[in-house]
N, C-alpha and C. Protein backbone atom coordinates (compact mmCIF):
# COMPACT_ATOMS: atom_id res chain seq x y z
N MET A 1 33.98 -6.73 -5.23
CA MET A 1 34.51 -6.67 -3.86
C MET A 1 33.36 -6.38 -2.89
N THR A 2 33.27 -7.19 -1.85
CA THR A 2 32.20 -7.01 -0.87
C THR A 2 32.67 -6.13 0.28
N THR A 3 31.78 -5.29 0.79
CA THR A 3 32.10 -4.45 1.94
C THR A 3 31.26 -4.81 3.15
N LEU A 4 30.36 -5.76 2.98
CA LEU A 4 29.48 -6.19 4.07
C LEU A 4 29.96 -7.54 4.56
N THR A 5 30.35 -7.61 5.82
CA THR A 5 30.84 -8.87 6.37
C THR A 5 29.68 -9.83 6.61
N PRO A 6 29.96 -11.13 6.67
CA PRO A 6 28.89 -12.09 6.98
C PRO A 6 28.17 -11.76 8.27
N ALA A 7 28.93 -11.37 9.30
CA ALA A 7 28.31 -11.06 10.59
C ALA A 7 27.42 -9.82 10.48
N ALA A 8 27.87 -8.83 9.73
CA ALA A 8 27.08 -7.61 9.57
C ALA A 8 25.79 -7.89 8.81
N LEU A 9 25.87 -8.76 7.80
CA LEU A 9 24.66 -9.11 7.05
C LEU A 9 23.63 -9.76 7.96
N VAL A 10 24.06 -10.73 8.76
CA VAL A 10 23.13 -11.42 9.66
C VAL A 10 22.55 -10.43 10.67
N THR A 11 23.38 -9.51 11.16
CA THR A 11 22.90 -8.50 12.10
C THR A 11 21.78 -7.67 11.49
N GLN A 12 21.95 -7.25 10.25
CA GLN A 12 20.93 -6.44 9.59
C GLN A 12 19.65 -7.24 9.32
N LEU A 13 19.80 -8.51 8.98
CA LEU A 13 18.63 -9.33 8.74
C LEU A 13 17.87 -9.60 10.04
N ARG A 14 18.59 -9.67 11.14
CA ARG A 14 17.92 -9.81 12.44
C ARG A 14 17.27 -8.49 12.86
N TRP A 15 17.85 -7.38 12.42
CA TRP A 15 17.35 -6.05 12.77
C TRP A 15 16.04 -5.74 12.06
N ARG A 16 15.89 -6.21 10.82
CA ARG A 16 14.72 -5.86 10.03
C ARG A 16 13.48 -6.59 10.55
N TYR A 17 12.35 -5.97 10.36
CA TYR A 17 11.05 -6.57 10.66
C TYR A 17 10.02 -5.81 9.85
N ALA A 18 8.82 -6.30 9.80
CA ALA A 18 7.76 -5.62 9.07
C ALA A 18 7.24 -4.47 9.94
N VAL A 19 7.68 -3.27 9.62
CA VAL A 19 7.38 -2.11 10.45
C VAL A 19 5.89 -1.81 10.47
N LYS A 20 5.38 -1.63 11.66
CA LYS A 20 3.96 -1.33 11.81
C LYS A 20 3.71 0.18 11.92
N LYS A 21 4.71 0.92 12.41
CA LYS A 21 4.55 2.36 12.57
C LYS A 21 5.83 3.05 12.12
N PHE A 22 5.70 3.86 11.09
CA PHE A 22 6.85 4.60 10.57
C PHE A 22 6.94 5.99 11.18
N ASP A 23 8.14 6.53 11.18
CA ASP A 23 8.37 7.92 11.57
C ASP A 23 8.06 8.78 10.36
N ALA A 24 6.90 9.42 10.35
CA ALA A 24 6.44 10.16 9.18
C ALA A 24 7.31 11.37 8.88
N ALA A 25 8.06 11.84 9.87
CA ALA A 25 8.88 13.03 9.67
C ALA A 25 10.27 12.71 9.09
N ARG A 26 10.62 11.45 9.06
CA ARG A 26 11.97 11.09 8.61
C ARG A 26 11.91 10.54 7.19
N LYS A 27 12.67 11.14 6.30
CA LYS A 27 12.66 10.77 4.90
C LYS A 27 13.96 10.08 4.49
N ILE A 28 13.87 9.19 3.54
CA ILE A 28 15.04 8.50 3.02
C ILE A 28 15.85 9.46 2.16
N PRO A 29 17.16 9.59 2.39
CA PRO A 29 17.98 10.47 1.56
C PRO A 29 17.92 10.06 0.09
N ALA A 30 18.02 11.04 -0.79
CA ALA A 30 17.89 10.79 -2.23
C ALA A 30 18.89 9.75 -2.72
N GLU A 31 20.13 9.83 -2.25
CA GLU A 31 21.15 8.88 -2.70
C GLU A 31 20.81 7.45 -2.29
N THR A 32 20.29 7.31 -1.07
CA THR A 32 19.90 5.99 -0.59
C THR A 32 18.73 5.46 -1.38
N TRP A 33 17.74 6.32 -1.65
CA TRP A 33 16.59 5.85 -2.40
C TRP A 33 16.99 5.46 -3.82
N ALA A 34 17.90 6.21 -4.42
CA ALA A 34 18.35 5.88 -5.78
C ALA A 34 18.97 4.49 -5.80
N ALA A 35 19.72 4.15 -4.76
CA ALA A 35 20.33 2.82 -4.68
C ALA A 35 19.25 1.74 -4.54
N LEU A 36 18.20 2.03 -3.79
CA LEU A 36 17.14 1.05 -3.60
C LEU A 36 16.34 0.86 -4.89
N GLU A 37 16.15 1.92 -5.65
CA GLU A 37 15.51 1.76 -6.96
C GLU A 37 16.36 0.87 -7.86
N GLU A 38 17.67 1.06 -7.80
CA GLU A 38 18.56 0.21 -8.59
C GLU A 38 18.48 -1.24 -8.14
N ALA A 39 18.27 -1.46 -6.83
CA ALA A 39 18.11 -2.83 -6.33
C ALA A 39 16.90 -3.49 -6.98
N LEU A 40 15.83 -2.72 -7.18
CA LEU A 40 14.67 -3.26 -7.88
C LEU A 40 15.01 -3.57 -9.33
N VAL A 41 15.64 -2.62 -10.00
CA VAL A 41 15.98 -2.80 -11.41
C VAL A 41 16.92 -3.98 -11.62
N LEU A 42 17.86 -4.17 -10.69
CA LEU A 42 18.88 -5.21 -10.83
C LEU A 42 18.43 -6.57 -10.32
N SER A 43 17.18 -6.68 -9.88
CA SER A 43 16.69 -7.96 -9.37
C SER A 43 16.70 -9.02 -10.48
N PRO A 44 17.00 -10.26 -10.13
CA PRO A 44 17.00 -11.34 -11.13
C PRO A 44 15.59 -11.78 -11.48
N SER A 45 15.45 -12.31 -12.69
CA SER A 45 14.17 -12.87 -13.12
C SER A 45 14.43 -14.01 -14.09
N SER A 46 13.47 -14.90 -14.22
CA SER A 46 13.60 -16.05 -15.12
C SER A 46 13.82 -15.57 -16.55
N TYR A 47 14.85 -16.12 -17.20
CA TYR A 47 15.26 -15.73 -18.55
C TYR A 47 15.74 -14.29 -18.63
N GLY A 48 15.67 -13.56 -17.53
CA GLY A 48 15.99 -12.14 -17.55
C GLY A 48 14.87 -11.29 -18.12
N LEU A 49 13.66 -11.83 -18.25
CA LEU A 49 12.58 -11.15 -18.96
C LEU A 49 11.94 -9.98 -18.21
N GLN A 50 12.10 -9.94 -16.90
CA GLN A 50 11.65 -8.80 -16.10
C GLN A 50 10.17 -8.43 -16.35
N PRO A 51 9.24 -9.35 -16.09
CA PRO A 51 7.82 -9.08 -16.38
C PRO A 51 7.16 -8.25 -15.29
N TRP A 52 7.72 -7.09 -14.99
CA TRP A 52 7.26 -6.33 -13.85
C TRP A 52 7.24 -4.83 -14.12
N ARG A 53 6.58 -4.13 -13.20
CA ARG A 53 6.58 -2.68 -13.17
C ARG A 53 6.58 -2.28 -11.69
N PHE A 54 7.44 -1.34 -11.35
CA PHE A 54 7.53 -0.85 -9.97
C PHE A 54 7.05 0.60 -9.94
N VAL A 55 5.97 0.85 -9.24
CA VAL A 55 5.38 2.18 -9.20
C VAL A 55 5.69 2.82 -7.84
N VAL A 56 6.49 3.85 -7.86
CA VAL A 56 6.81 4.59 -6.64
C VAL A 56 5.78 5.71 -6.51
N VAL A 57 4.98 5.62 -5.48
CA VAL A 57 3.87 6.56 -5.31
C VAL A 57 4.36 7.75 -4.48
N ASP A 58 4.72 8.82 -5.16
CA ASP A 58 5.23 10.02 -4.50
C ASP A 58 4.12 10.98 -4.06
N ASP A 59 3.03 11.02 -4.82
CA ASP A 59 1.97 11.99 -4.60
C ASP A 59 1.17 11.64 -3.34
N PRO A 60 1.16 12.50 -2.32
CA PRO A 60 0.40 12.23 -1.10
C PRO A 60 -1.09 12.01 -1.37
N ALA A 61 -1.63 12.69 -2.38
CA ALA A 61 -3.05 12.54 -2.68
C ALA A 61 -3.35 11.15 -3.20
N VAL A 62 -2.43 10.60 -3.99
CA VAL A 62 -2.62 9.24 -4.50
C VAL A 62 -2.49 8.23 -3.37
N ARG A 63 -1.52 8.46 -2.50
CA ARG A 63 -1.38 7.56 -1.34
C ARG A 63 -2.64 7.58 -0.49
N ALA A 64 -3.23 8.75 -0.34
CA ALA A 64 -4.47 8.87 0.45
C ALA A 64 -5.59 8.05 -0.18
N LYS A 65 -5.60 7.96 -1.51
CA LYS A 65 -6.60 7.13 -2.18
C LYS A 65 -6.32 5.64 -1.98
N LEU A 66 -5.06 5.28 -1.86
CA LEU A 66 -4.68 3.88 -1.70
C LEU A 66 -4.90 3.37 -0.28
N GLN A 67 -4.85 4.27 0.69
CA GLN A 67 -4.95 3.82 2.09
C GLN A 67 -6.25 3.07 2.38
N PRO A 68 -7.42 3.57 1.99
CA PRO A 68 -8.64 2.80 2.26
C PRO A 68 -8.71 1.50 1.48
N LEU A 69 -7.89 1.37 0.45
CA LEU A 69 -7.80 0.12 -0.31
C LEU A 69 -6.78 -0.82 0.31
N SER A 70 -6.27 -0.44 1.49
CA SER A 70 -5.22 -1.20 2.18
C SER A 70 -5.62 -1.44 3.63
N TRP A 71 -6.91 -1.67 3.84
CA TRP A 71 -7.43 -1.87 5.20
C TRP A 71 -7.05 -0.70 6.11
N ASN A 72 -6.91 0.49 5.51
CA ASN A 72 -6.59 1.71 6.25
C ASN A 72 -5.29 1.62 7.03
N GLN A 73 -4.38 0.80 6.56
CA GLN A 73 -3.09 0.68 7.24
C GLN A 73 -2.32 1.99 7.12
N ALA A 74 -1.81 2.45 8.25
CA ALA A 74 -1.15 3.76 8.31
C ALA A 74 0.16 3.81 7.54
N GLN A 75 0.78 2.64 7.34
CA GLN A 75 2.07 2.63 6.65
C GLN A 75 2.00 3.26 5.26
N VAL A 76 0.84 3.17 4.63
CA VAL A 76 0.69 3.67 3.26
C VAL A 76 1.01 5.16 3.19
N THR A 77 0.56 5.91 4.18
CA THR A 77 0.76 7.36 4.15
C THR A 77 1.90 7.82 5.06
N GLU A 78 2.27 7.03 6.06
CA GLU A 78 3.30 7.46 7.01
C GLU A 78 4.72 7.20 6.50
N ALA A 79 4.91 6.17 5.72
CA ALA A 79 6.26 5.80 5.29
C ALA A 79 6.86 6.87 4.38
N SER A 80 8.16 6.94 4.38
CA SER A 80 8.86 7.89 3.51
C SER A 80 8.53 7.63 2.05
N HIS A 81 8.58 6.36 1.64
CA HIS A 81 8.32 5.98 0.26
C HIS A 81 7.34 4.80 0.24
N PHE A 82 6.63 4.69 -0.86
CA PHE A 82 5.66 3.59 -1.00
C PHE A 82 5.75 3.06 -2.42
N VAL A 83 5.98 1.76 -2.54
CA VAL A 83 6.18 1.13 -3.84
C VAL A 83 5.10 0.08 -4.09
N VAL A 84 4.53 0.12 -5.26
CA VAL A 84 3.58 -0.90 -5.69
C VAL A 84 4.29 -1.76 -6.73
N LEU A 85 4.29 -3.07 -6.50
CA LEU A 85 4.95 -4.00 -7.41
C LEU A 85 3.89 -4.72 -8.23
N ALA A 86 3.99 -4.57 -9.53
CA ALA A 86 2.98 -5.12 -10.44
C ALA A 86 3.63 -6.08 -11.42
N ALA A 87 2.82 -7.00 -11.94
CA ALA A 87 3.30 -8.01 -12.88
C ALA A 87 2.59 -7.89 -14.21
N ARG A 88 3.27 -8.27 -15.27
CA ARG A 88 2.63 -8.39 -16.57
C ARG A 88 1.83 -9.68 -16.58
N PRO A 89 0.52 -9.66 -16.73
CA PRO A 89 -0.29 -10.87 -16.59
C PRO A 89 -0.06 -11.91 -17.67
N THR A 90 0.34 -11.48 -18.86
CA THR A 90 0.67 -12.43 -19.93
C THR A 90 1.96 -11.96 -20.60
N THR A 91 2.66 -12.91 -21.21
CA THR A 91 3.89 -12.59 -21.92
C THR A 91 3.74 -13.02 -23.37
N THR A 92 4.02 -12.11 -24.29
CA THR A 92 3.84 -12.37 -25.72
C THR A 92 5.19 -12.40 -26.42
N GLU A 93 5.16 -12.78 -27.68
CA GLU A 93 6.39 -12.76 -28.47
C GLU A 93 6.92 -11.33 -28.59
N ALA A 94 6.03 -10.35 -28.60
CA ALA A 94 6.46 -8.96 -28.65
C ALA A 94 7.26 -8.58 -27.41
N ASP A 95 6.87 -9.12 -26.25
CA ASP A 95 7.62 -8.87 -25.02
C ASP A 95 9.01 -9.49 -25.11
N VAL A 96 9.08 -10.68 -25.66
CA VAL A 96 10.37 -11.34 -25.84
C VAL A 96 11.24 -10.54 -26.80
N ASP A 97 10.64 -10.06 -27.88
CA ASP A 97 11.40 -9.29 -28.87
C ASP A 97 11.92 -7.98 -28.27
N ALA A 98 11.12 -7.37 -27.41
CA ALA A 98 11.57 -6.13 -26.76
C ALA A 98 12.79 -6.40 -25.89
N PHE A 99 12.79 -7.54 -25.20
CA PHE A 99 13.93 -7.89 -24.37
C PHE A 99 15.15 -8.22 -25.23
N ILE A 100 14.95 -8.92 -26.33
CA ILE A 100 16.04 -9.21 -27.25
C ILE A 100 16.67 -7.91 -27.76
N GLN A 101 15.83 -6.95 -28.11
CA GLN A 101 16.32 -5.66 -28.58
C GLN A 101 17.14 -4.96 -27.51
N ARG A 102 16.65 -5.04 -26.27
CA ARG A 102 17.39 -4.41 -25.16
C ARG A 102 18.74 -5.10 -24.97
N MET A 103 18.79 -6.40 -25.09
CA MET A 103 20.06 -7.12 -24.98
C MET A 103 21.04 -6.63 -26.03
N CYS A 104 20.56 -6.41 -27.24
CA CYS A 104 21.43 -5.94 -28.31
C CYS A 104 21.93 -4.52 -28.02
N GLU A 105 21.07 -3.69 -27.45
CA GLU A 105 21.46 -2.33 -27.11
C GLU A 105 22.57 -2.32 -26.05
N VAL A 106 22.44 -3.20 -25.07
CA VAL A 106 23.37 -3.20 -23.94
C VAL A 106 24.66 -3.95 -24.26
N ARG A 107 24.54 -5.09 -24.93
CA ARG A 107 25.70 -5.96 -25.15
C ARG A 107 26.24 -5.93 -26.57
N GLY A 108 25.51 -5.28 -27.45
CA GLY A 108 25.91 -5.31 -28.85
C GLY A 108 25.37 -6.56 -29.53
N GLY A 109 25.67 -6.70 -30.81
CA GLY A 109 25.19 -7.86 -31.54
C GLY A 109 23.87 -7.58 -32.23
N THR A 110 23.28 -8.62 -32.77
CA THR A 110 22.03 -8.49 -33.53
C THR A 110 20.99 -9.48 -33.03
N PRO A 111 19.73 -9.21 -33.32
CA PRO A 111 18.68 -10.17 -32.94
C PRO A 111 18.91 -11.54 -33.57
N ASP A 112 19.44 -11.57 -34.78
CA ASP A 112 19.68 -12.85 -35.44
C ASP A 112 20.64 -13.72 -34.64
N ALA A 113 21.62 -13.09 -34.02
CA ALA A 113 22.60 -13.84 -33.23
C ALA A 113 21.97 -14.43 -31.97
N LEU A 114 20.81 -13.88 -31.56
CA LEU A 114 20.13 -14.36 -30.36
C LEU A 114 18.90 -15.18 -30.70
N ALA A 115 18.82 -15.64 -31.93
CA ALA A 115 17.64 -16.38 -32.38
C ALA A 115 17.38 -17.62 -31.54
N ALA A 116 18.43 -18.34 -31.17
CA ALA A 116 18.26 -19.56 -30.38
C ALA A 116 17.71 -19.25 -29.00
N TYR A 117 18.23 -18.16 -28.41
CA TYR A 117 17.74 -17.76 -27.08
C TYR A 117 16.29 -17.30 -27.17
N ARG A 118 15.97 -16.56 -28.23
CA ARG A 118 14.59 -16.12 -28.43
C ARG A 118 13.66 -17.32 -28.55
N LYS A 119 14.08 -18.32 -29.30
CA LYS A 119 13.26 -19.51 -29.49
C LYS A 119 13.03 -20.22 -28.16
N MET A 120 14.05 -20.26 -27.31
CA MET A 120 13.92 -20.90 -26.01
C MET A 120 12.93 -20.15 -25.14
N MET A 121 13.00 -18.82 -25.13
CA MET A 121 12.08 -18.03 -24.31
C MET A 121 10.64 -18.14 -24.82
N VAL A 122 10.48 -18.06 -26.12
CA VAL A 122 9.13 -18.18 -26.68
C VAL A 122 8.56 -19.56 -26.39
N GLY A 123 9.38 -20.58 -26.56
CA GLY A 123 8.92 -21.94 -26.30
C GLY A 123 8.64 -22.20 -24.84
N GLY A 124 9.48 -21.63 -23.95
CA GLY A 124 9.35 -21.92 -22.53
C GLY A 124 8.29 -21.11 -21.81
N VAL A 125 7.98 -19.92 -22.31
CA VAL A 125 7.03 -19.04 -21.62
C VAL A 125 5.79 -18.78 -22.48
N VAL A 126 5.98 -18.26 -23.67
CA VAL A 126 4.85 -17.83 -24.49
C VAL A 126 3.99 -19.00 -24.93
N LYS A 127 4.63 -20.06 -25.42
CA LYS A 127 3.87 -21.18 -25.99
C LYS A 127 3.60 -22.30 -24.99
N ALA A 128 4.50 -22.51 -24.05
CA ALA A 128 4.35 -23.64 -23.13
C ALA A 128 3.37 -23.35 -21.99
N MET A 129 3.13 -22.07 -21.70
CA MET A 129 2.29 -21.71 -20.56
C MET A 129 0.96 -21.13 -21.03
N SER A 130 -0.10 -21.49 -20.33
CA SER A 130 -1.39 -20.84 -20.55
C SER A 130 -1.29 -19.41 -20.02
N PRO A 131 -2.22 -18.55 -20.41
CA PRO A 131 -2.22 -17.19 -19.84
C PRO A 131 -2.25 -17.19 -18.32
N GLU A 132 -2.99 -18.12 -17.73
CA GLU A 132 -3.05 -18.19 -16.27
C GLU A 132 -1.68 -18.54 -15.69
N LEU A 133 -1.02 -19.52 -16.28
CA LEU A 133 0.31 -19.90 -15.79
C LEU A 133 1.32 -18.79 -16.00
N GLN A 134 1.19 -18.07 -17.11
CA GLN A 134 2.08 -16.93 -17.34
C GLN A 134 1.94 -15.90 -16.23
N GLY A 135 0.70 -15.68 -15.79
CA GLY A 135 0.48 -14.74 -14.71
C GLY A 135 1.12 -15.21 -13.41
N HIS A 136 1.00 -16.50 -13.11
CA HIS A 136 1.63 -17.05 -11.91
C HIS A 136 3.15 -16.94 -12.01
N TRP A 137 3.68 -17.26 -13.17
CA TRP A 137 5.13 -17.19 -13.39
C TRP A 137 5.63 -15.76 -13.19
N ALA A 138 4.93 -14.80 -13.76
CA ALA A 138 5.33 -13.40 -13.61
C ALA A 138 5.27 -12.97 -12.14
N GLY A 139 4.23 -13.44 -11.44
CA GLY A 139 4.11 -13.12 -10.02
C GLY A 139 5.29 -13.62 -9.22
N HIS A 140 5.77 -14.82 -9.55
CA HIS A 140 6.94 -15.35 -8.85
C HIS A 140 8.15 -14.45 -9.05
N GLN A 141 8.29 -13.90 -10.25
CA GLN A 141 9.42 -13.02 -10.51
C GLN A 141 9.32 -11.73 -9.68
N VAL A 142 8.11 -11.22 -9.55
CA VAL A 142 7.90 -10.00 -8.78
C VAL A 142 8.28 -10.22 -7.32
N TYR A 143 7.96 -11.39 -6.80
CA TYR A 143 8.30 -11.65 -5.40
C TYR A 143 9.80 -11.84 -5.20
N ILE A 144 10.50 -12.30 -6.23
CA ILE A 144 11.97 -12.31 -6.15
C ILE A 144 12.47 -10.87 -6.00
N ALA A 145 11.91 -9.96 -6.80
CA ALA A 145 12.32 -8.56 -6.73
C ALA A 145 12.00 -7.96 -5.36
N LEU A 146 10.84 -8.31 -4.81
CA LEU A 146 10.47 -7.80 -3.49
C LEU A 146 11.48 -8.25 -2.44
N GLY A 147 11.84 -9.52 -2.44
CA GLY A 147 12.81 -10.02 -1.48
C GLY A 147 14.17 -9.35 -1.64
N ASN A 148 14.58 -9.18 -2.89
CA ASN A 148 15.86 -8.52 -3.16
C ASN A 148 15.84 -7.09 -2.64
N PHE A 149 14.74 -6.40 -2.88
CA PHE A 149 14.58 -5.01 -2.45
C PHE A 149 14.62 -4.90 -0.92
N MET A 150 13.90 -5.77 -0.23
CA MET A 150 13.86 -5.69 1.23
C MET A 150 15.21 -6.01 1.85
N THR A 151 15.94 -6.96 1.27
CA THR A 151 17.27 -7.28 1.78
C THR A 151 18.22 -6.11 1.56
N ALA A 152 18.14 -5.49 0.38
CA ALA A 152 18.99 -4.33 0.11
C ALA A 152 18.68 -3.20 1.09
N ALA A 153 17.39 -3.00 1.36
CA ALA A 153 17.01 -1.94 2.30
C ALA A 153 17.57 -2.22 3.69
N ALA A 154 17.44 -3.46 4.15
CA ALA A 154 17.96 -3.81 5.46
C ALA A 154 19.47 -3.59 5.53
N ALA A 155 20.18 -3.93 4.47
CA ALA A 155 21.63 -3.75 4.44
C ALA A 155 22.00 -2.28 4.57
N LEU A 156 21.13 -1.39 4.10
CA LEU A 156 21.38 0.05 4.18
C LEU A 156 20.76 0.70 5.41
N GLY A 157 20.17 -0.12 6.28
CA GLY A 157 19.56 0.42 7.49
C GLY A 157 18.24 1.11 7.25
N VAL A 158 17.53 0.69 6.20
CA VAL A 158 16.23 1.26 5.87
C VAL A 158 15.15 0.23 6.17
N ASP A 159 14.07 0.66 6.76
CA ASP A 159 12.99 -0.23 7.15
C ASP A 159 11.98 -0.44 6.02
N THR A 160 11.33 -1.59 6.06
CA THR A 160 10.30 -1.90 5.07
C THR A 160 9.12 -2.61 5.74
N CYS A 161 8.02 -2.60 5.03
CA CYS A 161 6.86 -3.40 5.43
C CYS A 161 6.17 -3.89 4.17
N PRO A 162 6.34 -5.17 3.81
CA PRO A 162 5.63 -5.70 2.65
C PRO A 162 4.15 -5.80 2.98
N MET A 163 3.30 -5.48 2.01
CA MET A 163 1.87 -5.41 2.27
C MET A 163 1.08 -6.15 1.20
N GLU A 164 0.51 -7.28 1.60
CA GLU A 164 -0.41 -8.01 0.73
C GLU A 164 -1.86 -7.72 1.10
N GLY A 165 -2.05 -7.07 2.24
CA GLY A 165 -3.40 -6.72 2.68
C GLY A 165 -3.90 -5.49 1.94
N ILE A 166 -4.04 -5.64 0.63
CA ILE A 166 -4.48 -4.54 -0.22
C ILE A 166 -5.53 -5.05 -1.20
N ASN A 167 -6.23 -4.13 -1.85
CA ASN A 167 -7.21 -4.46 -2.87
C ASN A 167 -6.52 -4.26 -4.23
N PRO A 168 -5.97 -5.32 -4.83
CA PRO A 168 -5.22 -5.15 -6.07
C PRO A 168 -6.01 -4.48 -7.19
N ALA A 169 -7.27 -4.86 -7.34
CA ALA A 169 -8.09 -4.26 -8.40
C ALA A 169 -8.28 -2.77 -8.15
N GLY A 170 -8.48 -2.39 -6.90
CA GLY A 170 -8.60 -0.98 -6.55
C GLY A 170 -7.32 -0.22 -6.83
N TYR A 171 -6.18 -0.82 -6.48
CA TYR A 171 -4.89 -0.21 -6.79
C TYR A 171 -4.74 -0.01 -8.29
N ASP A 172 -5.11 -1.05 -9.04
CA ASP A 172 -5.00 -0.96 -10.50
C ASP A 172 -5.77 0.23 -11.04
N GLU A 173 -6.98 0.43 -10.51
CA GLU A 173 -7.82 1.52 -11.00
C GLU A 173 -7.20 2.88 -10.67
N VAL A 174 -6.73 3.03 -9.44
CA VAL A 174 -6.13 4.30 -9.02
C VAL A 174 -4.87 4.62 -9.82
N LEU A 175 -4.07 3.61 -10.07
CA LEU A 175 -2.77 3.82 -10.73
C LEU A 175 -2.83 3.66 -12.24
N GLY A 176 -3.97 3.24 -12.77
CA GLY A 176 -4.10 3.08 -14.21
C GLY A 176 -3.21 1.99 -14.78
N LEU A 177 -2.99 0.94 -14.02
CA LEU A 177 -2.05 -0.10 -14.45
C LEU A 177 -2.55 -0.98 -15.59
N PRO A 178 -3.83 -1.37 -15.63
CA PRO A 178 -4.26 -2.23 -16.74
C PRO A 178 -3.98 -1.63 -18.11
N ALA A 179 -4.12 -0.32 -18.23
CA ALA A 179 -3.87 0.33 -19.51
C ALA A 179 -2.40 0.26 -19.89
N GLN A 180 -1.55 0.04 -18.88
CA GLN A 180 -0.11 -0.09 -19.12
C GLN A 180 0.31 -1.55 -19.29
N GLY A 181 -0.66 -2.45 -19.14
CA GLY A 181 -0.37 -3.87 -19.32
C GLY A 181 0.13 -4.58 -18.08
N PHE A 182 -0.24 -4.06 -16.90
CA PHE A 182 0.24 -4.66 -15.65
C PHE A 182 -0.88 -4.75 -14.63
N LYS A 183 -0.68 -5.62 -13.62
CA LYS A 183 -1.63 -5.78 -12.53
C LYS A 183 -0.90 -5.78 -11.20
N THR A 184 -1.47 -5.11 -10.22
CA THR A 184 -0.88 -5.03 -8.89
C THR A 184 -0.81 -6.41 -8.23
N LEU A 185 0.31 -6.67 -7.58
CA LEU A 185 0.45 -7.89 -6.79
C LEU A 185 0.63 -7.60 -5.31
N VAL A 186 1.54 -6.69 -4.99
CA VAL A 186 1.92 -6.46 -3.60
C VAL A 186 2.48 -5.04 -3.51
N ALA A 187 2.49 -4.49 -2.30
CA ALA A 187 3.06 -3.16 -2.09
C ALA A 187 4.11 -3.25 -0.99
N CYS A 188 4.92 -2.20 -0.88
CA CYS A 188 5.94 -2.18 0.17
C CYS A 188 6.14 -0.75 0.64
N ALA A 189 5.91 -0.55 1.93
CA ALA A 189 6.17 0.75 2.55
C ALA A 189 7.64 0.77 2.97
N VAL A 190 8.28 1.92 2.79
CA VAL A 190 9.72 2.02 3.01
C VAL A 190 10.03 3.31 3.76
N GLY A 191 10.87 3.22 4.78
CA GLY A 191 11.24 4.41 5.53
C GLY A 191 12.01 4.06 6.79
N TYR A 192 11.63 4.70 7.89
CA TYR A 192 12.33 4.47 9.16
C TYR A 192 11.30 4.26 10.26
N ARG A 193 11.54 3.27 11.09
CA ARG A 193 10.61 2.91 12.15
C ARG A 193 10.42 4.05 13.15
N SER A 194 9.23 4.13 13.68
CA SER A 194 8.95 5.09 14.73
C SER A 194 9.57 4.59 16.04
N ALA A 195 10.01 5.51 16.86
CA ALA A 195 10.64 5.15 18.14
C ALA A 195 9.67 4.42 19.05
N ASP A 196 8.38 4.61 18.84
CA ASP A 196 7.41 3.96 19.72
C ASP A 196 6.68 2.79 19.06
N ASP A 197 7.28 2.23 18.00
CA ASP A 197 6.71 1.01 17.42
C ASP A 197 7.10 -0.15 18.32
N LYS A 198 6.12 -0.69 19.02
CA LYS A 198 6.41 -1.71 20.02
C LYS A 198 6.96 -2.99 19.42
N TYR A 199 6.75 -3.20 18.13
CA TYR A 199 7.21 -4.44 17.50
C TYR A 199 8.70 -4.42 17.19
N ALA A 200 9.32 -3.25 17.25
CA ALA A 200 10.73 -3.14 16.87
C ALA A 200 11.64 -3.98 17.77
N ALA A 201 11.31 -4.06 19.05
CA ALA A 201 12.16 -4.78 19.99
C ALA A 201 11.75 -6.23 20.19
N ALA A 202 10.70 -6.67 19.54
CA ALA A 202 10.24 -8.04 19.73
C ALA A 202 11.22 -9.02 19.08
N PRO A 203 11.63 -10.07 19.80
CA PRO A 203 12.55 -11.05 19.21
C PRO A 203 11.93 -11.73 18.00
N LYS A 204 12.76 -12.05 17.03
CA LYS A 204 12.26 -12.77 15.86
C LYS A 204 11.87 -14.19 16.26
N VAL A 205 10.77 -14.67 15.72
CA VAL A 205 10.32 -16.03 15.97
C VAL A 205 10.57 -16.84 14.69
N ARG A 206 11.60 -17.64 14.72
CA ARG A 206 11.95 -18.47 13.58
C ARG A 206 12.24 -19.89 14.07
N TYR A 207 11.93 -20.88 13.24
CA TYR A 207 12.32 -22.24 13.58
C TYR A 207 13.84 -22.33 13.58
N ALA A 208 14.37 -23.27 14.32
CA ALA A 208 15.81 -23.47 14.36
C ALA A 208 16.34 -23.79 12.97
N THR A 209 17.55 -23.34 12.71
CA THR A 209 18.17 -23.59 11.40
C THR A 209 18.17 -25.07 11.07
N THR A 210 18.41 -25.91 12.07
CA THR A 210 18.46 -27.34 11.83
C THR A 210 17.13 -27.92 11.40
N GLU A 211 16.04 -27.20 11.69
CA GLU A 211 14.71 -27.69 11.29
C GLU A 211 14.33 -27.29 9.87
N VAL A 212 14.89 -26.20 9.38
CA VAL A 212 14.45 -25.71 8.07
C VAL A 212 15.54 -25.79 6.99
N VAL A 213 16.76 -26.08 7.39
CA VAL A 213 17.86 -26.22 6.41
C VAL A 213 18.38 -27.65 6.45
N ARG A 214 18.47 -28.27 5.30
CA ARG A 214 18.98 -29.64 5.20
C ARG A 214 20.17 -29.66 4.26
N HIS A 215 21.21 -30.37 4.65
CA HIS A 215 22.38 -30.58 3.80
C HIS A 215 22.35 -32.03 3.34
N VAL A 216 22.46 -32.26 2.04
CA VAL A 216 22.43 -33.63 1.52
C VAL A 216 23.63 -33.89 0.64
């Protein structure tokens, strides 16, 4: 059952923008943040393989280390929450097996019953793609999660700012991601806009729907 009307959804999507200045004193309530974390977890991915890791940077000292690796953008330290979205650079049969095991835990059944699905995933990702292509594929999945997260935040009246202007290798070093089998792709500052962020009232600049949407 949906509780968000079509008009309300469009209103929230028009309301959202990439916040340039956050209100550092305003924090996201715990219940709201828990829902946004679930939005990340529930994001769709190809085959359901979820080749990602979402790092919520709570420690102010760690955020301070990340800020100079982000062109000194203030959002890194001013926002209520800061999330780093990372991808698994390669996918192995062990990764597929871990997902198969999780499916059995959640839905019941045995790995043998999922042998055909396992074969399809191994054939489609592990064997059919080079390591470079696997990395690109995983990155695409991460960006699906980012879009899902930002839309969920807007629906809840929470502001975001996706950030690609970062040093991924530097982030990896600070967060120790390579040792965990992941690499930084993008970050997202999350919180509430400052009352004096001049960009908040700027009209959205989008091409007309008729120019970018085609019905065939």
